[in-house]
Amino acid sequence: DPFAPPQGGTALGHGTTPLGQRLLPEVRVGAGVVIACLVA
């Protein structure tokens, strides 16, 4: 089927990666910005 999503993924391209693993880098960046502001 040419209209089927790729193997091992979904239409949004997130695959089977848990939500926590996808959000962990974002949380780290946000926490780093907060710490830098506190030092400033």
PDB file of all heavy atoms in Angstrom:
ATOM      1  N   ASP A   1       0.842  -1.183   0.000  1.00  0.00           N
ATOM      2  CA  ASP A   1       0.000   0.000   0.000  1.00  0.00           C
ATOM      3  C   ASP A   1       0.884   1.243   0.000  1.00  0.00           C
ATOM      4  O   ASP A   1       1.630   1.491   0.955  1.00  0.00           O
ATOM      5  CB  ASP A   1      -0.901  -0.007   1.237  1.00  0.00           C
ATOM      6  CG  ASP A   1      -1.903   1.151   1.204  1.00  0.00           C
ATOM      7  OD1 ASP A   1      -1.937   1.874   0.198  1.00  0.00           O
ATOM      8  OD2 ASP A   1      -2.643   1.310   2.199  1.00  0.00           O
ATOM      9  N   PRO A   2       0.835   2.072  -1.056  1.00  0.00           N
ATOM     10  CA  PRO A   2       1.708   3.252  -1.089  1.00  0.00           C
ATOM     11  C   PRO A   2       1.323   4.305  -0.064  1.00  0.00           C
ATOM     12  O   PRO A   2       2.104   5.210   0.208  1.00  0.00           O
ATOM     13  CB  PRO A   2       1.527   3.777  -2.509  1.00  0.00           C
ATOM     14  CG  PRO A   2       0.174   3.302  -2.920  1.00  0.00           C
ATOM     15  CD  PRO A   2       0.009   1.963  -2.267  1.00  0.00           C
ATOM     16  N   PHE A   3       0.119   4.221   0.491  1.00  0.00           N
ATOM     17  CA  PHE A   3      -0.338   5.212   1.459  1.00  0.00           C
ATOM     18  C   PHE A   3      -0.176   4.744   2.899  1.00  0.00           C
ATOM     19  O   PHE A   3      -0.631   5.402   3.826  1.00  0.00           O
ATOM     20  CB  PHE A   3      -1.804   5.558   1.213  1.00  0.00           C
ATOM     21  CG  PHE A   3      -2.052   6.102  -0.163  1.00  0.00           C
ATOM     22  CD1 PHE A   3      -2.600   5.306  -1.150  1.00  0.00           C
ATOM     23  CD2 PHE A   3      -1.702   7.400  -0.462  1.00  0.00           C
ATOM     24  CE1 PHE A   3      -2.809   5.803  -2.419  1.00  0.00           C
ATOM     25  CE2 PHE A   3      -1.910   7.901  -1.732  1.00  0.00           C
ATOM     26  CZ  PHE A   3      -2.462   7.109  -2.718  1.00  0.00           C
ATOM     27  N   ALA A   4       0.477   3.620   3.117  1.00  0.00           N
ATOM     28  CA  ALA A   4       0.697   3.112   4.462  1.00  0.00           C
ATOM     29  C   ALA A   4       1.859   3.856   5.102  1.00  0.00           C
ATOM     30  O   ALA A   4       2.792   4.266   4.420  1.00  0.00           O
ATOM     31  CB  ALA A   4       0.991   1.599   4.424  1.00  0.00           C
ATOM     32  N   PRO A   5       1.819   4.096   6.439  1.00  0.00           N
ATOM     33  CA  PRO A   5       2.939   4.766   7.116  1.00  0.00           C
ATOM     34  C   PRO A   5       4.178   3.900   7.084  1.00  0.00           C
ATOM     35  O   PRO A   5       4.108   2.693   6.847  1.00  0.00           O
ATOM     36  CB  PRO A   5       2.409   4.951   8.544  1.00  0.00           C
ATOM     37  CG  PRO A   5       1.367   3.887   8.709  1.00  0.00           C
ATOM     38  CD  PRO A   5       0.733   3.716   7.348  1.00  0.00           C
ATOM     39  N   PRO A   6       5.369   4.476   7.281  1.00  0.00           N
ATOM     40  CA  PRO A   6       6.609   3.706   7.261  1.00  0.00           C
ATOM     41  C   PRO A   6       6.614   2.635   8.329  1.00  0.00           C
ATOM     42  O   PRO A   6       5.952   2.727   9.355  1.00  0.00           O
ATOM     43  CB  PRO A   6       7.693   4.769   7.552  1.00  0.00           C
ATOM     44  CG  PRO A   6       7.043   6.074   7.225  1.00  0.00           C
ATOM     45  CD  PRO A   6       5.595   5.898   7.497  1.00  0.00           C
ATOM     46  N   GLN A   7       7.418   1.583   8.051  1.00  0.00           N
ATOM     47  CA  GLN A   7       7.510   0.481   8.980  1.00  0.00           C
ATOM     48  C   GLN A   7       8.121   0.959  10.294  1.00  0.00           C
ATOM     49  O   GLN A   7       9.094   1.703  10.324  1.00  0.00           O
ATOM     50  CB  GLN A   7       8.387  -0.641   8.391  1.00  0.00           C
ATOM     51  CG  GLN A   7       7.771  -1.311   7.177  1.00  0.00           C
ATOM     52  CD  GLN A   7       6.559  -2.138   7.557  1.00  0.00           C
ATOM     53  OE1 GLN A   7       6.440  -2.549   8.700  1.00  0.00           O
ATOM     54  NE2 GLN A   7       5.662  -2.379   6.606  1.00  0.00           N
ATOM     55  N   GLY A   8       7.537   0.547  11.400  1.00  0.00           N
ATOM     56  CA  GLY A   8       8.058   0.886  12.713  1.00  0.00           C
ATOM     57  C   GLY A   8       7.759   2.298  13.151  1.00  0.00           C
ATOM     58  O   GLY A   8       8.329   2.790  14.108  1.00  0.00           O
ATOM     59  N   GLY A   9       6.883   3.032  12.491  1.00  0.00           N
ATOM     60  CA  GLY A   9       6.595   4.408  12.840  1.00  0.00           C
ATOM     61  C   GLY A   9       5.117   4.673  12.727  1.00  0.00           C
ATOM     62  O   GLY A   9       4.312   3.813  12.392  1.00  0.00           O
ATOM     63  N   THR A  10       4.770   5.887  12.970  1.00  0.00           N
ATOM     64  CA  THR A  10       3.401   6.333  12.877  1.00  0.00           C
ATOM     65  C   THR A  10       3.331   7.488  11.914  1.00  0.00           C
ATOM     66  O   THR A  10       4.341   7.954  11.400  1.00  0.00           O
ATOM     67  CB  THR A  10       2.878   6.759  14.257  1.00  0.00           C
ATOM     68  OG1 THR A  10       3.633   7.879  14.710  1.00  0.00           O
ATOM     69  CG2 THR A  10       2.986   5.617  15.262  1.00  0.00           C
ATOM     70  N   ALA A  11       2.119   7.982  11.698  1.00  0.00           N
ATOM     71  CA  ALA A  11       1.944   9.080  10.766  1.00  0.00           C
ATOM     72  C   ALA A  11       2.656  10.334  11.242  1.00  0.00           C
ATOM     73  O   ALA A  11       3.043  11.170  10.453  1.00  0.00           O
ATOM     74  CB  ALA A  11       0.442   9.378  10.579  1.00  0.00           C
ATOM     75  N   LEU A  12       2.857  10.488  12.533  1.00  0.00           N
ATOM     76  CA  LEU A  12       3.531  11.662  13.064  1.00  0.00           C
ATOM     77  C   LEU A  12       5.036  11.474  13.138  1.00  0.00           C
ATOM     78  O   LEU A  12       5.759  12.401  13.472  1.00  0.00           O
ATOM     79  CB  LEU A  12       2.998  11.987  14.473  1.00  0.00           C
ATOM     80  CG  LEU A  12       1.519  12.348  14.531  1.00  0.00           C
ATOM     81  CD1 LEU A  12       1.120  12.606  15.983  1.00  0.00           C
ATOM     82  CD2 LEU A  12       1.224  13.582  13.678  1.00  0.00           C
ATOM     83  N   GLY A  13       5.536  10.314  12.839  1.00  0.00           N
ATOM     84  CA  GLY A  13       6.966  10.080  12.796  1.00  0.00           C
ATOM     85  C   GLY A  13       7.617   9.869  14.150  1.00  0.00           C
ATOM     86  O   GLY A  13       8.829   9.893  14.268  1.00  0.00           O
ATOM     87  N   HIS A  14       6.853   9.666  15.214  1.00  0.00           N
ATOM     88  CA  HIS A  14       7.441   9.503  16.530  1.00  0.00           C
ATOM     89  C   HIS A  14       7.859   8.063  16.807  1.00  0.00           C
ATOM     90  O   HIS A  14       8.628   7.831  17.729  1.00  0.00           O
ATOM     91  CB  HIS A  14       6.456   9.948  17.619  1.00  0.00           C
ATOM     92  CG  HIS A  14       6.121  11.396  17.537  1.00  0.00           C
ATOM     93  ND1 HIS A  14       7.086  12.358  17.362  1.00  0.00           N
ATOM     94  CD2 HIS A  14       4.929  12.049  17.599  1.00  0.00           C
ATOM     95  CE1 HIS A  14       6.519  13.554  17.341  1.00  0.00           C
ATOM     96  NE2 HIS A  14       5.204  13.390  17.471  1.00  0.00           N
ATOM     97  N   GLY A  15       7.369   7.136  16.015  1.00  0.00           N
ATOM     98  CA  GLY A  15       7.711   5.753  16.242  1.00  0.00           C
ATOM     99  C   GLY A  15       7.184   5.266  17.570  1.00  0.00           C
ATOM    100  O   GLY A  15       6.122   5.644  18.026  1.00  0.00           O
ATOM    101  N   THR A  16       7.975   4.411  18.202  1.00  0.00           N
ATOM    102  CA  THR A  16       7.576   3.837  19.481  1.00  0.00           C
ATOM    103  C   THR A  16       8.367   4.442  20.634  1.00  0.00           C
ATOM    104  O   THR A  16       8.422   3.858  21.700  1.00  0.00           O
ATOM    105  CB  THR A  16       7.783   2.310  19.443  1.00  0.00           C
ATOM    106  OG1 THR A  16       9.161   2.034  19.142  1.00  0.00           O
ATOM    107  CG2 THR A  16       6.891   1.674  18.398  1.00  0.00           C
ATOM    108  N   THR A  17       9.019   5.610  20.433  1.00  0.00           N
ATOM    109  CA  THR A  17       9.793   6.246  21.501  1.00  0.00           C
ATOM    110  C   THR A  17       8.869   6.711  22.607  1.00  0.00           C
ATOM    111  O   THR A  17       7.905   7.421  22.345  1.00  0.00           O
ATOM    112  CB  THR A  17      10.589   7.439  20.955  1.00  0.00           C
ATOM    113  OG1 THR A  17      11.371   7.022  19.844  1.00  0.00           O
ATOM    114  CG2 THR A  17      11.489   8.016  22.035  1.00  0.00           C
ATOM    115  N   PRO A  18       9.151   6.359  23.853  1.00  0.00           N
ATOM    116  CA  PRO A  18       8.283   6.797  24.951  1.00  0.00           C
ATOM    117  C   PRO A  18       8.268   8.321  25.060  1.00  0.00           C
ATOM    118  O   PRO A  18       9.232   9.007  24.710  1.00  0.00           O
ATOM    119  CB  PRO A  18       8.928   6.148  26.191  1.00  0.00           C
ATOM    120  CG  PRO A  18       9.741   5.017  25.654  1.00  0.00           C
ATOM    121  CD  PRO A  18      10.210   5.461  24.305  1.00  0.00           C
ATOM    122  N   LEU A  19       7.162   8.825  25.573  1.00  0.00           N
ATOM    123  CA  LEU A  19       7.005  10.273  25.709  1.00  0.00           C
ATOM    124  C   LEU A  19       8.049  10.857  26.648  1.00  0.00           C
ATOM    125  O   LEU A  19       8.566  11.961  26.411  1.00  0.00           O
ATOM    126  CB  LEU A  19       5.599  10.594  26.223  1.00  0.00           C
ATOM    127  CG  LEU A  19       5.265  12.080  26.424  1.00  0.00           C
ATOM    128  CD1 LEU A  19       5.375  12.821  25.112  1.00  0.00           C
ATOM    129  CD2 LEU A  19       3.885  12.243  27.029  1.00  0.00           C
ATOM    130  N   GLY A  20       8.375  10.125  27.710  1.00  0.00           N
ATOM    131  CA  GLY A  20       9.366  10.643  28.655  1.00  0.00           C
ATOM    132  C   GLY A  20      10.731  10.843  28.031  1.00  0.00           C
ATOM    133  O   GLY A  20      11.418  11.828  28.314  1.00  0.00           O
ATOM    134  N   GLN A  21      11.152   9.912  27.167  1.00  0.00           N
ATOM    135  CA  GLN A  21      12.450  10.049  26.510  1.00  0.00           C
ATOM    136  C   GLN A  21      12.466  11.213  25.528  1.00  0.00           C
ATOM    137  O   GLN A  21      13.498  11.864  25.350  1.00  0.00           O
ATOM    138  CB  GLN A  21      12.814   8.754  25.794  1.00  0.00           C
ATOM    139  CG  GLN A  21      13.049   7.575  26.726  1.00  0.00           C
ATOM    140  CD  GLN A  21      13.508   6.335  25.979  1.00  0.00           C
ATOM    141  OE1 GLN A  21      13.801   6.381  24.788  1.00  0.00           O
ATOM    142  NE2 GLN A  21      13.555   5.215  26.686  1.00  0.00           N
ATOM    143  N   ARG A  22      11.332  11.497  24.889  1.00  0.00           N
ATOM    144  CA  ARG A  22      11.286  12.620  23.956  1.00  0.00           C
ATOM    145  C   ARG A  22      11.298  13.946  24.682  1.00  0.00           C
ATOM    146  O   ARG A  22      11.826  14.939  24.170  1.00  0.00           O
ATOM    147  CB  ARG A  22      10.043  12.525  23.077  1.00  0.00           C
ATOM    148  CG  ARG A  22      10.004  11.307  22.182  1.00  0.00           C
ATOM    149  CD  ARG A  22       9.044  11.509  21.024  1.00  0.00           C
ATOM    150  NE  ARG A  22       7.723  11.882  21.463  1.00  0.00           N
ATOM    151  CZ  ARG A  22       6.742  11.025  21.702  1.00  0.00           C
ATOM    152  NH1 ARG A  22       6.967   9.720  21.572  1.00  0.00           N
ATOM    153  NH2 ARG A  22       5.544  11.441  22.089  1.00  0.00           N
ATOM    154  N   LEU A  23      10.718  14.005  25.883  1.00  0.00           N
ATOM    155  CA  LEU A  23      10.646  15.253  26.626  1.00  0.00           C
ATOM    156  C   LEU A  23      11.878  15.520  27.473  1.00  0.00           C
ATOM    157  O   LEU A  23      12.103  16.665  27.874  1.00  0.00           O
ATOM    158  CB  LEU A  23       9.412  15.248  27.540  1.00  0.00           C
ATOM    159  CG  LEU A  23       8.061  15.271  26.839  1.00  0.00           C
ATOM    160  CD1 LEU A  23       6.944  15.257  27.869  1.00  0.00           C
ATOM    161  CD2 LEU A  23       7.925  16.492  25.928  1.00  0.00           C
ATOM    162  N   LEU A  24      12.688  14.486  27.750  1.00  0.00           N
ATOM    163  CA  LEU A  24      13.839  14.670  28.625  1.00  0.00           C
ATOM    164  C   LEU A  24      14.822  15.707  28.097  1.00  0.00           C
ATOM    165  O   LEU A  24      15.270  16.580  28.864  1.00  0.00           O
ATOM    166  CB  LEU A  24      14.529  13.324  28.859  1.00  0.00           C
ATOM    167  CG  LEU A  24      15.707  13.336  29.841  1.00  0.00           C
ATOM    168  CD1 LEU A  24      15.234  13.824  31.214  1.00  0.00           C
ATOM    169  CD2 LEU A  24      16.323  11.938  29.957  1.00  0.00           C
ATOM    170  N   PRO A  25      15.215  15.699  26.809  1.00  0.00           N
ATOM    171  CA  PRO A  25      16.120  16.758  26.327  1.00  0.00           C
ATOM    172  C   PRO A  25      15.518  18.147  26.442  1.00  0.00           C
ATOM    173  O   PRO A  25      16.235  19.113  26.746  1.00  0.00           O
ATOM    174  CB  PRO A  25      16.366  16.362  24.861  1.00  0.00           C
ATOM    175  CG  PRO A  25      16.067  14.903  24.787  1.00  0.00           C
ATOM    176  CD  PRO A  25      14.963  14.688  25.764  1.00  0.00           C
ATOM    177  N   GLU A  26      14.207  18.272  26.210  1.00  0.00           N
ATOM    178  CA  GLU A  26      13.570  19.576  26.328  1.00  0.00           C
ATOM    179  C   GLU A  26      13.610  20.079  27.771  1.00  0.00           C
ATOM    180  O   GLU A  26      13.858  21.268  28.023  1.00  0.00           O
ATOM    181  CB  GLU A  26      12.117  19.484  25.853  1.00  0.00           C
ATOM    182  CG  GLU A  26      11.949  18.962  24.436  1.00  0.00           C
ATOM    183  CD  GLU A  26      12.500  19.933  23.413  1.00  0.00           C
ATOM    184  OE1 GLU A  26      12.444  21.151  23.668  1.00  0.00           O
ATOM    185  OE2 GLU A  26      12.997  19.483  22.366  1.00  0.00           O
ATOM    186  N   VAL A  27      13.365  19.176  28.719  1.00  0.00           N
ATOM    187  CA  VAL A  27      13.400  19.563  30.132  1.00  0.00           C
ATOM    188  C   VAL A  27      14.805  19.991  30.534  1.00  0.00           C
ATOM    189  O   VAL A  27      14.988  20.964  31.287  1.00  0.00           O
ATOM    190  CB  VAL A  27      12.904  18.397  31.005  1.00  0.00           C
ATOM    191  CG1 VAL A  27      13.076  18.717  32.488  1.00  0.00           C
ATOM    192  CG2 VAL A  27      11.437  18.095  30.703  1.00  0.00           C
ATOM    193  N   ARG A  28      15.809  19.294  30.021  1.00  0.00           N
ATOM    194  CA  ARG A  28      17.188  19.653  30.357  1.00  0.00           C
ATOM    195  C   ARG A  28      17.533  21.047  29.836  1.00  0.00           C
ATOM    196  O   ARG A  28      18.154  21.849  30.536  1.00  0.00           O
ATOM    197  CB  ARG A  28      18.146  18.621  29.770  1.00  0.00           C
ATOM    198  CG  ARG A  28      18.108  17.268  30.472  1.00  0.00           C
ATOM    199  CD  ARG A  28      19.012  16.275  29.764  1.00  0.00           C
ATOM    200  NE  ARG A  28      19.051  14.995  30.458  1.00  0.00           N
ATOM    201  CZ  ARG A  28      19.680  13.917  29.982  1.00  0.00           C
ATOM    202  NH1 ARG A  28      20.312  13.987  28.814  1.00  0.00           N
ATOM    203  NH2 ARG A  28      19.654  12.798  30.675  1.00  0.00           N
ATOM    204  N   VAL A  29      17.134  21.349  28.606  1.00  0.00           N
ATOM    205  CA  VAL A  29      17.415  22.668  28.039  1.00  0.00           C
ATOM    206  C   VAL A  29      16.698  23.754  28.838  1.00  0.00           C
ATOM    207  O   VAL A  29      17.283  24.790  29.173  1.00  0.00           O
ATOM    208  CB  VAL A  29      17.002  22.708  26.559  1.00  0.00           C
ATOM    209  CG1 VAL A  29      17.093  24.127  26.004  1.00  0.00           C
ATOM    210  CG2 VAL A  29      17.870  21.777  25.740  1.00  0.00           C
ATOM    211  N   GLY A  30      15.415  23.525  29.135  1.00  0.00           N
ATOM    212  CA  GLY A  30      14.669  24.509  29.910  1.00  0.00           C
ATOM    213  C   GLY A  30      15.267  24.727  31.292  1.00  0.00           C
ATOM    214  O   GLY A  30      15.365  25.868  31.764  1.00  0.00           O
ATOM    215  N   ALA A  31      15.687  23.642  31.963  1.00  0.00           N
ATOM    216  CA  ALA A  31      16.297  23.776  33.284  1.00  0.00           C
ATOM    217  C   ALA A  31      17.618  24.534  33.201  1.00  0.00           C
ATOM    218  O   ALA A  31      17.943  25.343  34.086  1.00  0.00           O
ATOM    219  CB  ALA A  31      16.516  22.402  33.903  1.00  0.00           C
ATOM    220  N   GLY A  32      18.389  24.294  32.141  1.00  0.00           N
ATOM    221  CA  GLY A  32      19.637  25.035  31.970  1.00  0.00           C
ATOM    222  C   GLY A  32      19.411  26.523  31.792  1.00  0.00           C
ATOM    223  O   GLY A  32      20.162  27.346  32.337  1.00  0.00           O
ATOM    224  N   VAL A  33      18.368  26.881  31.061  1.00  0.00           N
ATOM    225  CA  VAL A  33      18.051  28.303  30.871  1.00  0.00           C
ATOM    226  C   VAL A  33      17.639  28.932  32.198  1.00  0.00           C
ATOM    227  O   VAL A  33      18.040  30.068  32.519  1.00  0.00           O
ATOM    228  CB  VAL A  33      16.951  28.470  29.808  1.00  0.00           C
ATOM    229  CG1 VAL A  33      16.501  29.919  29.716  1.00  0.00           C
ATOM    230  CG2 VAL A  33      17.440  27.985  28.443  1.00  0.00           C
ATOM    231  N   VAL A  34      16.846  28.221  32.985  1.00  0.00           N
ATOM    232  CA  VAL A  34      16.414  28.751  34.292  1.00  0.00           C
ATOM    233  C   VAL A  34      17.619  28.971  35.203  1.00  0.00           C
ATOM    234  O   VAL A  34      17.740  30.016  35.871  1.00  0.00           O
ATOM    235  CB  VAL A  34      15.395  27.802  34.940  1.00  0.00           C
ATOM    236  CG1 VAL A  34      15.095  28.232  36.366  1.00  0.00           C
ATOM    237  CG2 VAL A  34      14.106  27.775  34.132  1.00  0.00           C
ATOM    238  N   ILE A  35      18.530  28.009  35.236  1.00  0.00           N
ATOM    239  CA  ILE A  35      19.720  28.144  36.095  1.00  0.00           C
ATOM    240  C   ILE A  35      20.569  29.328  35.650  1.00  0.00           C
ATOM    241  O   ILE A  35      21.085  30.096  36.475  1.00  0.00           O
ATOM    242  CB  ILE A  35      20.525  26.836  36.079  1.00  0.00           C
ATOM    243  CG1 ILE A  35      19.720  25.710  36.740  1.00  0.00           C
ATOM    244  CG2 ILE A  35      21.862  27.017  36.784  1.00  0.00           C
ATOM    245  CD1 ILE A  35      20.387  24.352  36.666  1.00  0.00           C
ATOM    246  N   ALA A  36      20.726  29.502  34.335  1.00  0.00           N
ATOM    247  CA  ALA A  36      21.500  30.645  33.834  1.00  0.00           C
ATOM    248  C   ALA A  36      20.855  31.972  34.241  1.00  0.00           C
ATOM    249  O   ALA A  36      21.548  32.934  34.601  1.00  0.00           O
ATOM    250  CB  ALA A  36      21.633  30.559  32.313  1.00  0.00           C
ATOM    251  N   CYS A  37      19.529  32.032  34.212  1.00  0.00           N
ATOM    252  CA  CYS A  37      18.838  33.250  34.631  1.00  0.00           C
ATOM    253  C   CYS A  37      19.013  33.506  36.126  1.00  0.00           C
ATOM    254  O   CYS A  37      19.155  34.668  36.547  1.00  0.00           O
ATOM    255  CB  CYS A  37      17.353  33.155  34.281  1.00  0.00           C
ATOM    256  SG  CYS A  37      16.988  33.229  32.507  1.00  0.00           S
ATOM    257  N   LEU A  38      19.020  32.462  36.925  1.00  0.00           N
ATOM    258  CA  LEU A  38      19.223  32.649  38.362  1.00  0.00           C
ATOM    259  C   LEU A  38      20.619  33.179  38.660  1.00  0.00           C
ATOM    260  O   LEU A  38      20.803  34.036  39.535  1.00  0.00           O
ATOM    261  CB  LEU A  38      18.988  31.322  39.089  1.00  0.00           C
ATOM    262  CG  LEU A  38      17.556  30.786  39.081  1.00  0.00           C
ATOM    263  CD1 LEU A  38      17.479  29.454  39.803  1.00  0.00           C
ATOM    264  CD2 LEU A  38      16.594  31.789  39.713  1.00  0.00           C
ATOM    265  N   VAL A  39      21.611  32.674  37.927  1.00  0.00           N
ATOM    266  CA  VAL A  39      22.973  33.199  38.101  1.00  0.00           C
ATOM    267  C   VAL A  39      23.041  34.661  37.677  1.00  0.00           C
ATOM    268  O   VAL A  39      23.667  35.495  38.345  1.00  0.00           O
ATOM    269  CB  VAL A  39      23.968  32.337  37.300  1.00  0.00           C
ATOM    270  CG1 VAL A  39      25.360  32.943  37.351  1.00  0.00           C
ATOM    271  CG2 VAL A  39      23.998  30.909  37.835  1.00  0.00           C
ATOM    272  N   ALA A  40      22.376  34.982  36.568  1.00  0.00           N
ATOM    273  CA  ALA A  40      22.339  36.382  36.136  1.00  0.00           C
ATOM    274  C   ALA A  40      21.623  37.254  37.156  1.00  0.00           C
ATOM    275  O   ALA A  40      21.933  38.447  37.299  1.00  0.00           O
ATOM    276  CB  ALA A  40      21.657  36.488  34.772  1.00  0.00           C
TER     277      ALA A  40
END
